[in-house]
């Protein structure tokens, strides 16, 4: 038995990997983001005290397996901590931490849209932009545990090669400018709309307006999809992806994902005749499913 957690800035979700290989959410509690002691107590509350089963964690943020340090901007109590060692000591159990986008990639590659495909580049489009790469059924860990993370790096051209006017550079929370995360997240969609029309709407209001034929939100979605697809096409060329499953909140917007797919395939070098960018089968439960897979690989 393996206890599995999907830990994000808002919620801690828990499930146990069953002997038949299945897992389902059994508990969901608010994440005590700023208090380490409260965080440990919250995790312990999901565990059975008499057990000493190993624990596999899907964590929102970067985890460097060389140094053991976690970089988790939205959970300050974990940021800069040797999270795996500290959790193992606090829980008195073996711990394995895996990045949440990597967990989603494992879930899609082995039990989702990527079954039977050699290269699966899974992406997160939500409050942030992330990614994970699985090749021949194995997660590509990368230098310092960073691979498939296309969300950061100054690669967005706000003018899209001179075809878009009215957008300034996009500052990013990581300290760089024009990262995919700054323009391609749900926050990025909201920012684009505000910059173009001096109007503040939620991402859902923007996509709903676009689907209803409203011109301003339609323009915002077109610009958003154009900027995102240009960066995604480069990532597809680099990874040689056979499929790009999408997780995160925007994965629920089927028409938007179809538009991104159409624009991305038009810019890639390889000829994709079938949909490439698709909603993930595990868009909602990829953290737990991926944590279960990562735990099984780590602990047997």
C-alpha atoms as a PDB file:
ATOM      1  CA  UNK A   1       0.000   0.000   0.000  1.00  0.00           C
ATOM      2  CA  UNK A   2       1.231   3.510  -0.809  1.00  0.00           C
ATOM      3  CA  UNK A   3      -0.270   6.745   0.515  1.00  0.00           C
ATOM      4  CA  UNK A   4      -0.448   9.314  -2.281  1.00  0.00           C
ATOM      5  CA  UNK A   5      -0.843  13.079  -2.070  1.00  0.00           C
ATOM      6  CA  UNK A   6      -1.512  15.789  -4.617  1.00  0.00           C
ATOM      7  CA  UNK A   7      -0.342  18.966  -2.867  1.00  0.00           C
ATOM      8  CA  UNK A   8      -1.108  22.362  -4.319  1.00  0.00           C
ATOM      9  CA  UNK A   9      -1.349  25.884  -2.990  1.00  0.00           C
ATOM     10  CA  UNK A  10      -5.076  25.554  -2.288  1.00  0.00           C
ATOM     11  CA  UNK A  11      -5.743  21.908  -1.413  1.00  0.00           C
ATOM     12  CA  UNK A  12      -4.041  18.746  -0.193  1.00  0.00           C
ATOM     13  CA  UNK A  13      -5.700  15.710  -1.799  1.00  0.00           C
ATOM     14  CA  UNK A  14      -5.073  12.207  -0.487  1.00  0.00           C
ATOM     15  CA  UNK A  15      -5.691   8.684  -1.732  1.00  0.00           C
ATOM     16  CA  UNK A  16      -4.263   5.205  -1.198  1.00  0.00           C
ATOM     17  CA  UNK A  17      -2.928   3.048  -3.997  1.00  0.00           C
ATOM     18  CA  UNK A  18      -4.938  -0.149  -3.845  1.00  0.00           C
ATOM     19  CA  UNK A  19      -3.523  -3.640  -4.539  1.00  0.00           C
ATOM     20  CA  UNK A  20      -5.436  -3.686  -7.851  1.00  0.00           C
ATOM     21  CA  UNK A  21      -3.549  -0.571  -8.987  1.00  0.00           C
ATOM     22  CA  UNK A  22      -6.458   1.859  -8.645  1.00  0.00           C
ATOM     23  CA  UNK A  23      -6.545   5.078  -6.661  1.00  0.00           C
ATOM     24  CA  UNK A  24      -9.279   7.542  -5.798  1.00  0.00           C
ATOM     25  CA  UNK A  25      -9.445  10.691  -3.731  1.00  0.00           C
ATOM     26  CA  UNK A  26     -10.290   9.867  -0.113  1.00  0.00           C
ATOM     27  CA  UNK A  27      -9.673  13.228   1.554  1.00  0.00           C
ATOM     28  CA  UNK A  28      -9.329  16.871   0.581  1.00  0.00           C
ATOM     29  CA  UNK A  29      -8.265  19.590   3.016  1.00  0.00           C
ATOM     30  CA  UNK A  30      -7.080  23.175   2.737  1.00  0.00           C
ATOM     31  CA  UNK A  31      -3.317  23.574   2.396  1.00  0.00           C
ATOM     32  CA  UNK A  32      -1.781  25.379   5.403  1.00  0.00           C
ATOM     33  CA  UNK A  33       0.582  27.218   3.094  1.00  0.00           C
ATOM     34  CA  UNK A  34       2.463  29.405   5.564  1.00  0.00           C
ATOM     35  CA  UNK A  35       2.959  27.156   8.598  1.00  0.00           C
ATOM     36  CA  UNK A  36       5.208  24.093   8.444  1.00  0.00           C
ATOM     37  CA  UNK A  37       3.865  22.572  11.671  1.00  0.00           C
ATOM     38  CA  UNK A  38       0.262  22.979  10.483  1.00  0.00           C
ATOM     39  CA  UNK A  39       1.228  21.542   7.106  1.00  0.00           C
ATOM     40  CA  UNK A  40       2.681  18.391   8.699  1.00  0.00           C
ATOM     41  CA  UNK A  41      -0.386  18.046  10.914  1.00  0.00           C
ATOM     42  CA  UNK A  42      -2.651  18.307   7.862  1.00  0.00           C
ATOM     43  CA  UNK A  43      -0.746  15.569   6.044  1.00  0.00           C
ATOM     44  CA  UNK A  44      -0.711  13.350   9.136  1.00  0.00           C
ATOM     45  CA  UNK A  45      -4.478  13.713   9.481  1.00  0.00           C
ATOM     46  CA  UNK A  46      -4.874  11.757   6.235  1.00  0.00           C
ATOM     47  CA  UNK A  47      -2.669   8.868   7.342  1.00  0.00           C
ATOM     48  CA  UNK A  48      -3.444   5.845   9.448  1.00  0.00           C
ATOM     49  CA  UNK A  49      -1.215   6.107  12.494  1.00  0.00           C
ATOM     50  CA  UNK A  50      -0.608   2.367  12.768  1.00  0.00           C
ATOM     51  CA  UNK A  51       0.720   2.131   9.208  1.00  0.00           C
ATOM     52  CA  UNK A  52       4.246   2.849   7.999  1.00  0.00           C
ATOM     53  CA  UNK A  53       3.486   2.721   4.287  1.00  0.00           C
ATOM     54  CA  UNK A  54       5.634   4.858   1.998  1.00  0.00           C
ATOM     55  CA  UNK A  55       4.280   8.200   0.807  1.00  0.00           C
ATOM     56  CA  UNK A  56       4.364   9.524  -2.759  1.00  0.00           C
ATOM     57  CA  UNK A  57       3.736  13.248  -3.256  1.00  0.00           C
ATOM     58  CA  UNK A  58       2.802  15.223  -6.344  1.00  0.00           C
ATOM     59  CA  UNK A  59       3.982  18.745  -5.516  1.00  0.00           C
ATOM     60  CA  UNK A  60       3.204  22.012  -7.273  1.00  0.00           C
ATOM     61  CA  UNK A  61       6.654  23.518  -7.775  1.00  0.00           C
ATOM     62  CA  UNK A  62      10.201  22.530  -8.609  1.00  0.00           C
ATOM     63  CA  UNK A  63      11.981  19.855  -6.614  1.00  0.00           C
ATOM     64  CA  UNK A  64      15.734  19.514  -7.149  1.00  0.00           C
ATOM     65  CA  UNK A  65      16.721  15.944  -6.362  1.00  0.00           C
ATOM     66  CA  UNK A  66      20.432  16.883  -6.341  1.00  0.00           C
ATOM     67  CA  UNK A  67      20.094  19.340  -3.450  1.00  0.00           C
ATOM     68  CA  UNK A  68      16.777  18.181  -2.016  1.00  0.00           C
ATOM     69  CA  UNK A  69      15.500  21.759  -2.073  1.00  0.00           C
ATOM     70  CA  UNK A  70      11.923  22.560  -3.057  1.00  0.00           C
ATOM     71  CA  UNK A  71      10.953  25.800  -4.794  1.00  0.00           C
ATOM     72  CA  UNK A  72       7.248  26.225  -4.125  1.00  0.00           C
ATOM     73  CA  UNK A  73       6.156  29.837  -4.491  1.00  0.00           C
ATOM     74  CA  UNK A  74       2.541  29.211  -3.480  1.00  0.00           C
ATOM     75  CA  UNK A  75       3.390  27.138  -0.374  1.00  0.00           C
ATOM     76  CA  UNK A  76       5.873  29.314   1.573  1.00  0.00           C
ATOM     77  CA  UNK A  77       6.249  26.750   4.371  1.00  0.00           C
ATOM     78  CA  UNK A  78       7.867  24.366   1.861  1.00  0.00           C
ATOM     79  CA  UNK A  79       9.813  26.900  -0.196  1.00  0.00           C
ATOM     80  CA  UNK A  80      13.557  26.471   0.225  1.00  0.00           C
ATOM     81  CA  UNK A  81      13.061  23.438   2.449  1.00  0.00           C
ATOM     82  CA  UNK A  82      14.646  20.018   1.972  1.00  0.00           C
ATOM     83  CA  UNK A  83      11.085  18.865   1.727  1.00  0.00           C
ATOM     84  CA  UNK A  84      11.587  15.139   1.122  1.00  0.00           C
ATOM     85  CA  UNK A  85      13.987  14.748   4.055  1.00  0.00           C
ATOM     86  CA  UNK A  86      11.941  16.967   6.372  1.00  0.00           C
ATOM     87  CA  UNK A  87       8.662  15.197   5.560  1.00  0.00           C
ATOM     88  CA  UNK A  88      10.270  11.787   5.958  1.00  0.00           C
ATOM     89  CA  UNK A  89      11.543  12.778   9.400  1.00  0.00           C
ATOM     90  CA  UNK A  90       8.209  14.293  10.441  1.00  0.00           C
ATOM     91  CA  UNK A  91       6.096  11.360   9.235  1.00  0.00           C
ATOM     92  CA  UNK A  92       8.597   8.598   9.976  1.00  0.00           C
ATOM     93  CA  UNK A  93       7.962   7.126   6.539  1.00  0.00           C
ATOM     94  CA  UNK A  94       9.843   6.862   3.225  1.00  0.00           C
ATOM     95  CA  UNK A  95       8.886   9.829   0.997  1.00  0.00           C
ATOM     96  CA  UNK A  96       9.088  10.404  -2.749  1.00  0.00           C
ATOM     97  CA  UNK A  97       8.329  13.891  -4.131  1.00  0.00           C
ATOM     98  CA  UNK A  98       7.609  14.430  -7.827  1.00  0.00           C
ATOM     99  CA  UNK A  99       6.686  17.648  -9.614  1.00  0.00           C
ATOM    100  CA  UNK A 100       2.940  17.877 -10.304  1.00  0.00           C
ATOM    101  CA  UNK A 101       3.354  18.405 -14.070  1.00  0.00           C
ATOM    102  CA  UNK A 102       5.635  15.352 -14.183  1.00  0.00           C
ATOM    103  CA  UNK A 103       2.969  13.353 -12.337  1.00  0.00           C
ATOM    104  CA  UNK A 104       0.375  14.482 -14.864  1.00  0.00           C
ATOM    105  CA  UNK A 105       2.724  13.464 -17.683  1.00  0.00           C
ATOM    106  CA  UNK A 106       3.184   9.986 -16.170  1.00  0.00           C
ATOM    107  CA  UNK A 107      -0.569   9.592 -15.753  1.00  0.00           C
ATOM    108  CA  UNK A 108      -1.256  10.553 -19.366  1.00  0.00           C
ATOM    109  CA  UNK A 109       1.633   8.570 -20.854  1.00  0.00           C
ATOM    110  CA  UNK A 110       0.912   5.332 -19.036  1.00  0.00           C
ATOM    111  CA  UNK A 111      -2.829   5.447 -18.327  1.00  0.00           C
ATOM    112  CA  UNK A 112      -4.270   8.239 -20.469  1.00  0.00           C
ATOM    113  CA  UNK A 113      -4.171   9.836 -23.910  1.00  0.00           C
ATOM    114  CA  UNK A 114      -0.537   8.870 -24.442  1.00  0.00           C
ATOM    115  CA  UNK A 115      -0.915   5.111 -24.055  1.00  0.00           C
ATOM    116  CA  UNK A 116       1.135   3.384 -26.740  1.00  0.00           C
ATOM    117  CA  UNK A 117       2.907   6.569 -27.844  1.00  0.00           C
ATOM    118  CA  UNK A 118       6.670   7.021 -27.628  1.00  0.00           C
ATOM    119  CA  UNK A 119       6.915  10.728 -26.773  1.00  0.00           C
ATOM    120  CA  UNK A 120       4.331  12.361 -24.533  1.00  0.00           C
ATOM    121  CA  UNK A 121       4.769  16.047 -23.742  1.00  0.00           C
ATOM    122  CA  UNK A 122       2.060  16.869 -21.205  1.00  0.00           C
ATOM    123  CA  UNK A 123       1.352  20.502 -20.390  1.00  0.00           C
ATOM    124  CA  UNK A 124      -0.472  22.412 -17.672  1.00  0.00           C
ATOM    125  CA  UNK A 125      -2.533  25.449 -18.657  1.00  0.00           C
ATOM    126  CA  UNK A 126      -4.023  26.854 -15.482  1.00  0.00           C
ATOM    127  CA  UNK A 127      -3.013  29.498 -12.981  1.00  0.00           C
ATOM    128  CA  UNK A 128       0.466  28.771 -14.317  1.00  0.00           C
ATOM    129  CA  UNK A 129       2.081  26.952 -17.243  1.00  0.00           C
ATOM    130  CA  UNK A 130       4.069  23.755 -16.706  1.00  0.00           C
ATOM    131  CA  UNK A 131       5.030  20.587 -18.478  1.00  0.00           C
ATOM    132  CA  UNK A 132       6.506  17.133 -18.234  1.00  0.00           C
ATOM    133  CA  UNK A 133       8.079  14.779 -20.764  1.00  0.00           C
ATOM    134  CA  UNK A 134       7.790  10.984 -20.859  1.00  0.00           C
ATOM    135  CA  UNK A 135       9.806   9.091 -23.482  1.00  0.00           C
ATOM    136  CA  UNK A 136       9.321   5.372 -24.046  1.00  0.00           C
ATOM    137  CA  UNK A 137       7.369   5.121 -20.815  1.00  0.00           C
ATOM    138  CA  UNK A 138      10.034   6.794 -18.675  1.00  0.00           C
ATOM    139  CA  UNK A 139       9.901  10.251 -17.141  1.00  0.00           C
ATOM    140  CA  UNK A 140      12.701  12.526 -18.343  1.00  0.00           C
ATOM    141  CA  UNK A 141      14.010  13.975 -15.077  1.00  0.00           C
ATOM    142  CA  UNK A 142      16.490  16.428 -16.549  1.00  0.00           C
ATOM    143  CA  UNK A 143      19.293  18.412 -14.936  1.00  0.00           C
ATOM    144  CA  UNK A 144      18.246  19.286 -11.405  1.00  0.00           C
ATOM    145  CA  UNK A 145      14.885  17.658 -11.999  1.00  0.00           C
ATOM    146  CA  UNK A 146      13.937  20.274 -14.577  1.00  0.00           C
ATOM    147  CA  UNK A 147      12.722  18.883 -17.907  1.00  0.00           C
ATOM    148  CA  UNK A 148       9.659  19.669 -19.970  1.00  0.00           C
ATOM    149  CA  UNK A 149       9.220  22.945 -18.070  1.00  0.00           C
ATOM    150  CA  UNK A 150       8.422  25.212 -21.004  1.00  0.00           C
ATOM    151  CA  UNK A 151       6.630  27.787 -18.827  1.00  0.00           C
ATOM    152  CA  UNK A 152       9.693  29.874 -18.065  1.00  0.00           C
ATOM    153  CA  UNK A 153      12.234  31.455 -20.355  1.00  0.00           C
ATOM    154  CA  UNK A 154      11.946  34.767 -22.289  1.00  0.00           C
ATOM    155  CA  UNK A 155      10.498  33.320 -25.513  1.00  0.00           C
ATOM    156  CA  UNK A 156       7.152  35.094 -26.022  1.00  0.00           C
ATOM    157  CA  UNK A 157       7.094  37.828 -28.688  1.00  0.00           C
ATOM    158  CA  UNK A 158       4.129  40.079 -27.723  1.00  0.00           C
ATOM    159  CA  UNK A 159       3.897  41.276 -31.345  1.00  0.00           C
ATOM    160  CA  UNK A 160       3.822  37.715 -32.789  1.00  0.00           C
ATOM    161  CA  UNK A 161       6.305  38.655 -35.467  1.00  0.00           C
ATOM    162  CA  UNK A 162       4.801  42.100 -35.984  1.00  0.00           C
ATOM    163  CA  UNK A 163       1.233  40.868 -36.508  1.00  0.00           C
ATOM    164  CA  UNK A 164      -0.164  42.069 -33.140  1.00  0.00           C
ATOM    165  CA  UNK A 165      -0.235  45.637 -31.848  1.00  0.00           C
ATOM    166  CA  UNK A 166      -0.948  47.045 -28.433  1.00  0.00           C
ATOM    167  CA  UNK A 167       0.778  44.541 -26.164  1.00  0.00           C
ATOM    168  CA  UNK A 168       3.805  45.511 -24.055  1.00  0.00           C
ATOM    169  CA  UNK A 169       6.315  42.962 -22.709  1.00  0.00           C
ATOM    170  CA  UNK A 170       4.920  40.505 -20.144  1.00  0.00           C
ATOM    171  CA  UNK A 171       6.719  40.614 -16.766  1.00  0.00           C
ATOM    172  CA  UNK A 172       6.828  37.198 -15.091  1.00  0.00           C
ATOM    173  CA  UNK A 173       6.789  36.329 -11.418  1.00  0.00           C
ATOM    174  CA  UNK A 174      10.045  34.384 -11.835  1.00  0.00           C
ATOM    175  CA  UNK A 175      11.888  37.651 -12.529  1.00  0.00           C
ATOM    176  CA  UNK A 176      12.202  37.244 -16.292  1.00  0.00           C
ATOM    177  CA  UNK A 177      10.147  38.925 -18.998  1.00  0.00           C
ATOM    178  CA  UNK A 178       7.971  37.350 -21.720  1.00  0.00           C
ATOM    179  CA  UNK A 179       7.790  33.850 -20.238  1.00  0.00           C
ATOM    180  CA  UNK A 180       5.117  31.489 -21.539  1.00  0.00           C
ATOM    181  CA  UNK A 181       3.748  31.394 -17.984  1.00  0.00           C
ATOM    182  CA  UNK A 182       3.143  35.163 -18.039  1.00  0.00           C
ATOM    183  CA  UNK A 183       1.156  35.101 -21.294  1.00  0.00           C
ATOM    184  CA  UNK A 184      -0.101  31.533 -21.664  1.00  0.00           C
ATOM    185  CA  UNK A 185      -1.676  30.905 -18.260  1.00  0.00           C
ATOM    186  CA  UNK A 186      -5.242  31.770 -17.287  1.00  0.00           C
ATOM    187  CA  UNK A 187      -3.717  34.876 -15.698  1.00  0.00           C
ATOM    188  CA  UNK A 188      -2.086  35.610 -19.035  1.00  0.00           C
ATOM    189  CA  UNK A 189      -5.422  35.422 -20.849  1.00  0.00           C
ATOM    190  CA  UNK A 190      -6.913  37.874 -18.349  1.00  0.00           C
ATOM    191  CA  UNK A 191      -3.884  40.150 -18.742  1.00  0.00           C
ATOM    192  CA  UNK A 192      -4.134  40.127 -22.538  1.00  0.00           C
ATOM    193  CA  UNK A 193      -7.794  41.124 -22.413  1.00  0.00           C
ATOM    194  CA  UNK A 194      -7.092  43.938 -19.945  1.00  0.00           C
ATOM    195  CA  UNK A 195      -4.208  45.279 -22.033  1.00  0.00           C
ATOM    196  CA  UNK A 196      -6.227  45.209 -25.253  1.00  0.00           C
ATOM    197  CA  UNK A 197      -9.501  46.609 -23.930  1.00  0.00           C
ATOM    198  CA  UNK A 198      -8.859  48.079 -20.444  1.00  0.00           C
ATOM    199  CA  UNK A 199     -11.513  45.706 -19.127  1.00  0.00           C
ATOM    200  CA  UNK A 200     -11.058  43.159 -16.346  1.00  0.00           C
ATOM    201  CA  UNK A 201     -12.744  39.791 -16.875  1.00  0.00           C
ATOM    202  CA  UNK A 202     -12.070  36.293 -15.566  1.00  0.00           C
ATOM    203  CA  UNK A 203     -10.632  33.691 -17.912  1.00  0.00           C
ATOM    204  CA  UNK A 204     -13.980  31.897 -17.876  1.00  0.00           C
ATOM    205  CA  UNK A 205     -15.846  35.099 -18.771  1.00  0.00           C
ATOM    206  CA  UNK A 206     -13.451  35.653 -21.664  1.00  0.00           C
ATOM    207  CA  UNK A 207     -13.827  32.151 -23.114  1.00  0.00           C
ATOM    208  CA  UNK A 208     -17.597  32.222 -22.626  1.00  0.00           C
ATOM    209  CA  UNK A 209     -17.830  35.568 -24.413  1.00  0.00           C
ATOM    210  CA  UNK A 210     -15.707  34.212 -27.253  1.00  0.00           C
ATOM    211  CA  UNK A 211     -17.929  31.152 -27.637  1.00  0.00           C
ATOM    212  CA  UNK A 212     -20.969  33.441 -27.686  1.00  0.00           C
ATOM    213  CA  UNK A 213     -19.476  35.459 -30.542  1.00  0.00           C
ATOM    214  CA  UNK A 214     -18.594  38.595 -28.560  1.00  0.00           C
ATOM    215  CA  UNK A 215     -15.945  40.527 -30.593  1.00  0.00           C
ATOM    216  CA  UNK A 216     -13.636  41.816 -27.828  1.00  0.00           C
ATOM    217  CA  UNK A 217     -13.294  38.502 -26.009  1.00  0.00           C
ATOM    218  CA  UNK A 218     -12.937  36.820 -29.389  1.00  0.00           C
ATOM    219  CA  UNK A 219      -9.971  39.058 -30.160  1.00  0.00           C
ATOM    220  CA  UNK A 220      -8.396  38.290 -26.781  1.00  0.00           C
ATOM    221  CA  UNK A 221      -8.726  34.537 -27.285  1.00  0.00           C
ATOM    222  CA  UNK A 222      -7.269  34.810 -30.800  1.00  0.00           C
ATOM    223  CA  UNK A 223      -4.241  36.743 -29.518  1.00  0.00           C
ATOM    224  CA  UNK A 224      -3.792  34.373 -26.580  1.00  0.00           C
ATOM    225  CA  UNK A 225      -3.939  31.258 -28.761  1.00  0.00           C
ATOM    226  CA  UNK A 226      -1.551  32.813 -31.282  1.00  0.00           C
ATOM    227  CA  UNK A 227       1.094  33.672 -28.684  1.00  0.00           C
ATOM    228  CA  UNK A 228       0.779  30.323 -26.913  1.00  0.00           C
ATOM    229  CA  UNK A 229       0.859  28.199 -30.071  1.00  0.00           C
ATOM    230  CA  UNK A 230       4.048  29.857 -31.337  1.00  0.00           C
ATOM    231  CA  UNK A 231       5.870  28.811 -28.155  1.00  0.00           C
ATOM    232  CA  UNK A 232       4.213  25.395 -28.052  1.00  0.00           C
ATOM    233  CA  UNK A 233       5.199  24.633 -31.650  1.00  0.00           C
ATOM    234  CA  UNK A 234       8.850  25.158 -30.708  1.00  0.00           C
ATOM    235  CA  UNK A 235       8.442  22.841 -27.696  1.00  0.00           C
ATOM    236  CA  UNK A 236       6.857  20.199 -29.926  1.00  0.00           C
ATOM    237  CA  UNK A 237       9.719  20.484 -32.407  1.00  0.00           C
ATOM    238  CA  UNK A 238      12.241  20.093 -29.563  1.00  0.00           C
ATOM    239  CA  UNK A 239      10.569  17.104 -27.926  1.00  0.00           C
ATOM    240  CA  UNK A 240       9.260  15.326 -31.020  1.00  0.00           C
ATOM    241  CA  UNK A 241       5.990  14.857 -29.148  1.00  0.00           C
ATOM    242  CA  UNK A 242       3.490  12.341 -30.470  1.00  0.00           C
ATOM    243  CA  UNK A 243       0.749  13.928 -28.381  1.00  0.00           C
ATOM    244  CA  UNK A 244       0.358  16.914 -26.046  1.00  0.00           C
ATOM    245  CA  UNK A 245      -2.261  16.234 -23.336  1.00  0.00           C
ATOM    246  CA  UNK A 246      -3.455  19.348 -21.509  1.00  0.00           C
ATOM    247  CA  UNK A 247      -4.225  19.621 -17.800  1.00  0.00           C
ATOM    248  CA  UNK A 248      -5.087  22.584 -15.610  1.00  0.00           C
ATOM    249  CA  UNK A 249      -8.212  24.699 -15.536  1.00  0.00           C
ATOM    250  CA  UNK A 250      -8.122  25.683 -19.207  1.00  0.00           C
ATOM    251  CA  UNK A 251      -8.169  22.015 -20.242  1.00  0.00           C
ATOM    252  CA  UNK A 252     -11.916  22.172 -19.566  1.00  0.00           C
ATOM    253  CA  UNK A 253     -12.306  24.597 -22.492  1.00  0.00           C
ATOM    254  CA  UNK A 254     -12.547  22.068 -25.343  1.00  0.00           C
ATOM    255  CA  UNK A 255     -12.999  24.662 -28.096  1.00  0.00           C
ATOM    256  CA  UNK A 256     -10.010  26.649 -26.846  1.00  0.00           C
ATOM    257  CA  UNK A 257      -7.799  23.543 -26.790  1.00  0.00           C
ATOM    258  CA  UNK A 258      -8.960  22.713 -30.337  1.00  0.00           C
ATOM    259  CA  UNK A 259      -7.986  26.236 -31.461  1.00  0.00           C
ATOM    260  CA  UNK A 260      -4.552  25.923 -29.839  1.00  0.00           C
ATOM    261  CA  UNK A 261      -4.140  22.520 -31.514  1.00  0.00           C
ATOM    262  CA  UNK A 262      -5.014  23.935 -34.931  1.00  0.00           C
ATOM    263  CA  UNK A 263      -2.611  26.854 -34.588  1.00  0.00           C
ATOM    264  CA  UNK A 264       0.197  24.708 -33.151  1.00  0.00           C
ATOM    265  CA  UNK A 265       0.048  22.028 -35.842  1.00  0.00           C
ATOM    266  CA  UNK A 266       0.204  24.740 -38.503  1.00  0.00           C
ATOM    267  CA  UNK A 267       3.590  25.860 -37.114  1.00  0.00           C
ATOM    268  CA  UNK A 268       5.333  22.539 -36.410  1.00  0.00           C
ATOM    269  CA  UNK A 269       7.869  20.928 -38.734  1.00  0.00           C
ATOM    270  CA  UNK A 270       6.378  17.445 -38.524  1.00  0.00           C
ATOM    271  CA  UNK A 271       3.134  16.773 -40.338  1.00  0.00           C
ATOM    272  CA  UNK A 272       0.432  16.051 -37.781  1.00  0.00           C
ATOM    273  CA  UNK A 273      -2.744  14.892 -39.498  1.00  0.00           C
ATOM    274  CA  UNK A 274      -4.507  13.947 -36.246  1.00  0.00           C
ATOM    275  CA  UNK A 275      -5.154  16.183 -33.227  1.00  0.00           C
ATOM    276  CA  UNK A 276      -1.942  16.818 -31.304  1.00  0.00           C
ATOM    277  CA  UNK A 277      -2.955  19.110 -28.428  1.00  0.00           C
ATOM    278  CA  UNK A 278      -5.865  17.438 -26.617  1.00  0.00           C
ATOM    279  CA  UNK A 279      -7.557  17.598 -23.192  1.00  0.00           C
ATOM    280  CA  UNK A 280      -5.946  15.048 -20.896  1.00  0.00           C
ATOM    281  CA  UNK A 281      -7.901  12.051 -19.658  1.00  0.00           C
ATOM    282  CA  UNK A 282      -6.466  12.767 -16.197  1.00  0.00           C
ATOM    283  CA  UNK A 283      -6.806  16.551 -16.257  1.00  0.00           C
ATOM    284  CA  UNK A 284      -8.677  16.424 -12.933  1.00  0.00           C
ATOM    285  CA  UNK A 285      -6.957  13.536 -11.139  1.00  0.00           C
ATOM    286  CA  UNK A 286      -3.506  13.519 -12.754  1.00  0.00           C
ATOM    287  CA  UNK A 287      -1.758  14.533  -9.545  1.00  0.00           C
ATOM    288  CA  UNK A 288      -3.007  11.550  -7.570  1.00  0.00           C
ATOM    289  CA  UNK A 289      -2.744   9.076 -10.454  1.00  0.00           C
ATOM    290  CA  UNK A 290       0.761  10.294 -11.283  1.00  0.00           C
ATOM    291  CA  UNK A 291       1.812  10.188  -7.626  1.00  0.00           C
ATOM    292  CA  UNK A 292       0.618   6.584  -7.488  1.00  0.00           C
ATOM    293  CA  UNK A 293       2.675   5.721 -10.582  1.00  0.00           C
ATOM    294  CA  UNK A 294       5.740   7.546  -9.265  1.00  0.00           C
ATOM    295  CA  UNK A 295       5.347   5.825  -5.916  1.00  0.00           C
ATOM    296  CA  UNK A 296       5.051   2.405  -7.497  1.00  0.00           C
ATOM    297  CA  UNK A 297       8.198   3.072  -9.539  1.00  0.00           C
ATOM    298  CA  UNK A 298      10.097   4.335  -6.463  1.00  0.00           C
ATOM    299  CA  UNK A 299       8.963   1.808  -3.871  1.00  0.00           C
ATOM    300  CA  UNK A 300       7.938  -1.175  -5.969  1.00  0.00           C
END
